[in-house]
């Protein structure tokens, strides 16, 4: 069941296929996630030539005038998300992405 969830099958679909309650599967997934290592432990080491690509995506929260932006910094070599921030699209958000970078 965990492999099906990791392959992006919906929780409802996995529950129907394996005839198990969604709450049971959600509990198993929660236990699995709690045992995962910290993100900083899983990042590949940075090298001096690494280039970060900054990206952004937005979505509205409840109303169109409540847009929220997700800013990400991704290493071009490893394709790992190394930092992120959520906020509005103001100049103060970009420094928060860079400040959360682990390196």
N, C-alpha and C. Protein backbone atom coordinates (compact mmCIF):
# COMPACT_ATOMS: atom_id res chain seq x y z
N UNK A 1 0.81 -1.19 0.00
CA UNK A 1 0.00 0.00 0.00
C UNK A 1 0.86 1.26 0.00
N UNK A 2 1.96 1.20 0.74
CA UNK A 2 2.86 2.36 0.76
C UNK A 2 3.42 2.63 -0.64
N UNK A 3 3.78 1.57 -1.35
CA UNK A 3 4.31 1.75 -2.71
C UNK A 3 3.25 2.37 -3.63
N UNK A 4 2.00 1.99 -3.46
CA UNK A 4 0.93 2.58 -4.27
C UNK A 4 0.80 4.07 -3.96
N UNK A 5 0.90 4.44 -2.69
CA UNK A 5 0.82 5.86 -2.32
C UNK A 5 2.03 6.62 -2.86
N UNK A 6 3.21 6.00 -2.82
CA UNK A 6 4.40 6.67 -3.34
C UNK A 6 4.33 6.84 -4.85
N UNK A 7 3.53 6.03 -5.53
CA UNK A 7 3.34 6.17 -6.98
C UNK A 7 2.21 7.15 -7.31
N UNK A 8 1.80 7.91 -6.29
CA UNK A 8 0.79 8.97 -6.43
C UNK A 8 -0.62 8.46 -6.69
N UNK A 9 -0.90 7.23 -6.28
CA UNK A 9 -2.29 6.78 -6.30
C UNK A 9 -3.02 7.53 -5.21
N UNK A 10 -4.26 7.86 -5.44
CA UNK A 10 -5.01 8.61 -4.43
C UNK A 10 -5.26 7.74 -3.21
N UNK A 11 -5.41 8.38 -2.09
CA UNK A 11 -5.68 7.67 -0.84
C UNK A 11 -7.00 6.89 -0.95
N UNK A 12 -7.98 7.53 -1.57
CA UNK A 12 -9.27 6.87 -1.77
C UNK A 12 -9.13 5.64 -2.68
N UNK A 13 -8.33 5.77 -3.73
CA UNK A 13 -8.11 4.64 -4.64
C UNK A 13 -7.39 3.49 -3.96
N UNK A 14 -6.37 3.80 -3.18
CA UNK A 14 -5.63 2.76 -2.46
C UNK A 14 -6.56 2.06 -1.47
N UNK A 15 -7.40 2.82 -0.80
CA UNK A 15 -8.35 2.23 0.15
C UNK A 15 -9.31 1.28 -0.54
N UNK A 16 -9.77 1.66 -1.72
CA UNK A 16 -10.69 0.77 -2.45
C UNK A 16 -9.98 -0.47 -2.96
N UNK A 17 -8.76 -0.31 -3.50
CA UNK A 17 -8.03 -1.46 -4.06
C UNK A 17 -7.71 -2.50 -2.99
N UNK A 18 -7.24 -2.04 -1.83
CA UNK A 18 -6.81 -2.96 -0.79
C UNK A 18 -7.88 -3.22 0.27
N UNK A 19 -9.05 -2.61 0.12
CA UNK A 19 -10.17 -2.79 1.05
C UNK A 19 -9.76 -2.49 2.50
N UNK A 20 -9.12 -1.33 2.67
CA UNK A 20 -8.68 -0.86 3.98
C UNK A 20 -9.21 0.56 4.16
N UNK A 21 -9.57 0.89 5.38
CA UNK A 21 -10.10 2.24 5.65
C UNK A 21 -9.04 3.30 5.37
N UNK A 22 -9.49 4.45 4.86
CA UNK A 22 -8.56 5.55 4.56
C UNK A 22 -7.84 6.03 5.81
N UNK A 23 -8.52 6.03 6.94
CA UNK A 23 -7.89 6.48 8.18
C UNK A 23 -6.74 5.56 8.58
N UNK A 24 -6.89 4.27 8.30
CA UNK A 24 -5.82 3.31 8.61
C UNK A 24 -4.60 3.60 7.74
N UNK A 25 -4.82 3.81 6.46
CA UNK A 25 -3.72 4.10 5.53
C UNK A 25 -3.07 5.43 5.91
N UNK A 26 -3.89 6.42 6.24
CA UNK A 26 -3.35 7.73 6.64
C UNK A 26 -2.48 7.59 7.89
N UNK A 27 -2.88 6.75 8.82
CA UNK A 27 -2.07 6.51 10.02
C UNK A 27 -0.74 5.87 9.68
N UNK A 28 -0.77 4.90 8.77
CA UNK A 28 0.48 4.24 8.35
C UNK A 28 1.40 5.23 7.65
N UNK A 29 0.83 6.07 6.78
CA UNK A 29 1.64 7.07 6.09
C UNK A 29 2.24 8.07 7.08
N UNK A 30 1.46 8.47 8.07
CA UNK A 30 1.96 9.40 9.07
C UNK A 30 3.12 8.78 9.84
N UNK A 31 3.00 7.51 10.22
CA UNK A 31 4.09 6.82 10.93
C UNK A 31 5.32 6.71 10.04
N UNK A 32 5.12 6.46 8.75
CA UNK A 32 6.25 6.36 7.81
C UNK A 32 6.98 7.70 7.70
N UNK A 33 6.21 8.78 7.58
CA UNK A 33 6.80 10.11 7.42
C UNK A 33 7.56 10.52 8.69
N UNK A 34 7.04 10.17 9.85
CA UNK A 34 7.71 10.51 11.11
C UNK A 34 9.07 9.82 11.24
N UNK A 35 9.25 8.68 10.57
CA UNK A 35 10.51 7.96 10.64
C UNK A 35 11.52 8.39 9.57
N UNK A 36 11.13 9.30 8.69
CA UNK A 36 12.05 9.77 7.66
C UNK A 36 13.09 10.70 8.27
N UNK A 37 14.30 10.73 7.68
CA UNK A 37 15.32 11.65 8.21
C UNK A 37 14.98 13.10 7.91
N UNK A 38 15.62 14.01 8.62
CA UNK A 38 15.43 15.43 8.40
C UNK A 38 15.89 15.79 6.99
N UNK A 39 15.25 16.77 6.39
CA UNK A 39 15.57 17.17 5.02
C UNK A 39 17.04 17.54 4.87
N UNK A 40 17.60 18.26 5.84
CA UNK A 40 19.00 18.69 5.74
C UNK A 40 19.95 17.50 5.69
N UNK A 41 19.55 16.36 6.27
CA UNK A 41 20.39 15.16 6.22
C UNK A 41 20.36 14.49 4.85
N UNK A 42 19.31 14.72 4.08
CA UNK A 42 19.17 14.04 2.79
C UNK A 42 19.72 14.83 1.62
N UNK A 43 20.03 16.11 1.82
CA UNK A 43 20.55 16.92 0.72
C UNK A 43 21.97 16.47 0.35
N UNK A 44 22.23 16.44 -0.93
CA UNK A 44 23.59 16.16 -1.38
C UNK A 44 24.47 17.35 -1.04
N UNK A 45 25.74 17.12 -0.76
CA UNK A 45 26.61 18.25 -0.40
C UNK A 45 26.75 19.25 -1.55
N UNK A 46 26.81 20.51 -1.18
CA UNK A 46 26.97 21.57 -2.17
C UNK A 46 28.41 21.63 -2.64
N UNK A 47 28.57 22.02 -3.90
CA UNK A 47 29.91 22.25 -4.44
C UNK A 47 29.97 23.70 -4.91
N UNK A 48 31.15 24.27 -5.03
CA UNK A 48 31.25 25.70 -5.37
C UNK A 48 30.58 26.09 -6.69
N UNK A 49 30.48 25.17 -7.64
CA UNK A 49 29.91 25.49 -8.95
C UNK A 49 28.38 25.43 -8.98
N UNK A 50 27.74 25.04 -7.88
CA UNK A 50 26.29 24.88 -7.89
C UNK A 50 25.59 26.20 -8.20
N UNK A 51 24.54 26.09 -9.01
CA UNK A 51 23.73 27.24 -9.39
C UNK A 51 22.32 26.97 -8.88
N UNK A 52 21.73 27.96 -8.21
CA UNK A 52 20.36 27.84 -7.73
C UNK A 52 19.41 28.49 -8.71
N UNK A 53 18.32 27.80 -8.98
CA UNK A 53 17.26 28.34 -9.82
C UNK A 53 16.11 28.72 -8.90
N UNK A 54 15.63 29.94 -9.02
CA UNK A 54 14.51 30.39 -8.22
C UNK A 54 13.23 30.25 -9.01
N UNK A 55 12.19 29.77 -8.35
CA UNK A 55 10.90 29.59 -9.00
C UNK A 55 9.80 30.11 -8.11
N UNK A 56 8.64 30.35 -8.72
CA UNK A 56 7.50 30.83 -7.94
C UNK A 56 6.22 30.28 -8.55
N UNK A 57 5.25 30.09 -7.70
CA UNK A 57 3.91 29.67 -8.13
C UNK A 57 2.93 30.30 -7.16
N UNK A 58 1.74 30.61 -7.62
CA UNK A 58 0.78 31.27 -6.75
C UNK A 58 -0.55 30.56 -6.77
N UNK A 59 -1.30 30.79 -5.72
CA UNK A 59 -2.65 30.25 -5.62
C UNK A 59 -3.47 31.19 -4.73
N UNK A 60 -4.75 31.20 -4.94
CA UNK A 60 -5.63 32.03 -4.11
C UNK A 60 -6.09 31.23 -2.90
N UNK A 61 -6.20 31.91 -1.77
CA UNK A 61 -6.67 31.28 -0.54
C UNK A 61 -8.03 31.89 -0.21
N UNK A 62 -9.07 31.14 -0.39
CA UNK A 62 -10.46 31.54 -0.15
C UNK A 62 -10.98 32.60 -1.11
N UNK A 63 -10.24 33.68 -1.32
CA UNK A 63 -10.70 34.75 -2.22
C UNK A 63 -9.57 35.09 -3.20
N UNK A 64 -9.96 35.67 -4.32
CA UNK A 64 -8.94 36.03 -5.32
C UNK A 64 -8.00 37.10 -4.82
N UNK A 65 -8.45 37.94 -3.91
CA UNK A 65 -7.56 39.00 -3.42
C UNK A 65 -6.63 38.51 -2.31
N UNK A 66 -6.68 37.23 -1.99
CA UNK A 66 -5.79 36.66 -0.98
C UNK A 66 -4.81 35.68 -1.63
N UNK A 67 -4.09 36.15 -2.62
CA UNK A 67 -3.13 35.30 -3.33
C UNK A 67 -1.92 35.03 -2.44
N UNK A 68 -1.42 33.82 -2.49
CA UNK A 68 -0.21 33.43 -1.76
C UNK A 68 0.78 32.86 -2.76
N UNK A 69 2.03 33.18 -2.56
CA UNK A 69 3.08 32.76 -3.47
C UNK A 69 3.98 31.75 -2.78
N UNK A 70 4.38 30.72 -3.52
CA UNK A 70 5.36 29.75 -3.04
C UNK A 70 6.63 30.00 -3.83
N UNK A 71 7.68 30.42 -3.15
CA UNK A 71 8.99 30.67 -3.76
C UNK A 71 9.87 29.47 -3.45
N UNK A 72 10.58 28.97 -4.44
CA UNK A 72 11.49 27.84 -4.22
C UNK A 72 12.87 28.16 -4.78
N UNK A 73 13.88 27.56 -4.15
CA UNK A 73 15.25 27.62 -4.66
C UNK A 73 15.67 26.17 -4.90
N UNK A 74 16.02 25.85 -6.15
CA UNK A 74 16.36 24.49 -6.52
C UNK A 74 17.78 24.46 -7.07
N UNK A 75 18.55 23.47 -6.66
CA UNK A 75 19.90 23.29 -7.16
C UNK A 75 19.82 22.72 -8.57
N UNK A 76 20.46 23.37 -9.51
CA UNK A 76 20.41 22.93 -10.90
C UNK A 76 21.07 21.56 -11.10
N UNK A 77 22.14 21.28 -10.35
CA UNK A 77 22.87 20.02 -10.51
C UNK A 77 22.10 18.83 -9.93
N UNK A 78 21.59 18.98 -8.72
CA UNK A 78 20.97 17.85 -8.03
C UNK A 78 19.46 17.81 -8.20
N UNK A 79 18.86 18.90 -8.66
CA UNK A 79 17.40 19.04 -8.82
C UNK A 79 16.68 18.91 -7.49
N UNK A 80 17.34 19.28 -6.39
CA UNK A 80 16.73 19.24 -5.07
C UNK A 80 16.24 20.64 -4.69
N UNK A 81 15.07 20.69 -4.08
CA UNK A 81 14.58 21.94 -3.51
C UNK A 81 15.38 22.16 -2.23
N UNK A 82 16.15 23.25 -2.18
CA UNK A 82 17.01 23.48 -1.03
C UNK A 82 16.45 24.57 -0.10
N UNK A 83 15.46 25.34 -0.55
CA UNK A 83 14.85 26.36 0.29
C UNK A 83 13.49 26.74 -0.29
N UNK A 84 12.59 27.22 0.58
CA UNK A 84 11.29 27.69 0.12
C UNK A 84 10.75 28.72 1.10
N UNK A 85 9.79 29.49 0.63
CA UNK A 85 9.08 30.45 1.48
C UNK A 85 7.68 30.64 0.91
N UNK A 86 6.74 30.92 1.78
CA UNK A 86 5.36 31.17 1.37
C UNK A 86 4.99 32.57 1.84
N UNK A 87 4.39 33.35 0.96
CA UNK A 87 3.98 34.70 1.35
C UNK A 87 3.32 35.41 0.19
N UNK A 88 3.23 36.72 0.29
CA UNK A 88 2.71 37.49 -0.82
C UNK A 88 3.88 37.83 -1.75
N UNK A 89 3.61 38.53 -2.81
CA UNK A 89 4.67 38.79 -3.80
C UNK A 89 5.32 40.14 -3.52
N UNK A 90 5.89 40.25 -2.36
CA UNK A 90 6.55 41.50 -1.99
C UNK A 90 8.06 41.29 -1.99
N UNK A 91 8.82 42.37 -2.04
CA UNK A 91 10.28 42.25 -2.07
C UNK A 91 10.88 41.58 -0.83
N UNK A 92 10.13 41.52 0.27
CA UNK A 92 10.70 40.92 1.49
C UNK A 92 10.69 39.39 1.44
N UNK A 93 9.93 38.78 0.50
CA UNK A 93 9.85 37.31 0.45
C UNK A 93 11.09 36.66 -0.13
N UNK A 94 11.70 37.26 -1.12
CA UNK A 94 12.89 36.65 -1.73
C UNK A 94 14.02 36.50 -0.73
N UNK A 95 14.33 37.50 0.08
CA UNK A 95 15.38 37.28 1.09
C UNK A 95 15.05 36.16 2.08
N UNK A 96 13.77 35.93 2.35
CA UNK A 96 13.42 34.83 3.27
C UNK A 96 13.71 33.47 2.65
N UNK A 97 13.60 33.37 1.31
CA UNK A 97 13.97 32.12 0.64
C UNK A 97 15.48 31.90 0.79
N UNK A 98 16.23 32.94 0.54
CA UNK A 98 17.69 32.81 0.61
C UNK A 98 18.16 32.58 2.05
N UNK A 99 17.46 33.15 3.01
CA UNK A 99 17.85 32.97 4.42
C UNK A 99 17.57 31.55 4.89
N UNK A 100 16.58 30.88 4.29
CA UNK A 100 16.26 29.51 4.72
C UNK A 100 17.13 28.47 4.05
N UNK A 101 18.02 28.91 3.14
CA UNK A 101 18.92 27.98 2.46
C UNK A 101 19.88 27.37 3.48
N UNK A 102 20.02 26.03 3.49
CA UNK A 102 20.83 25.38 4.53
C UNK A 102 22.33 25.56 4.40
N UNK A 103 22.83 25.92 3.23
CA UNK A 103 24.29 25.99 3.04
C UNK A 103 24.89 27.32 3.39
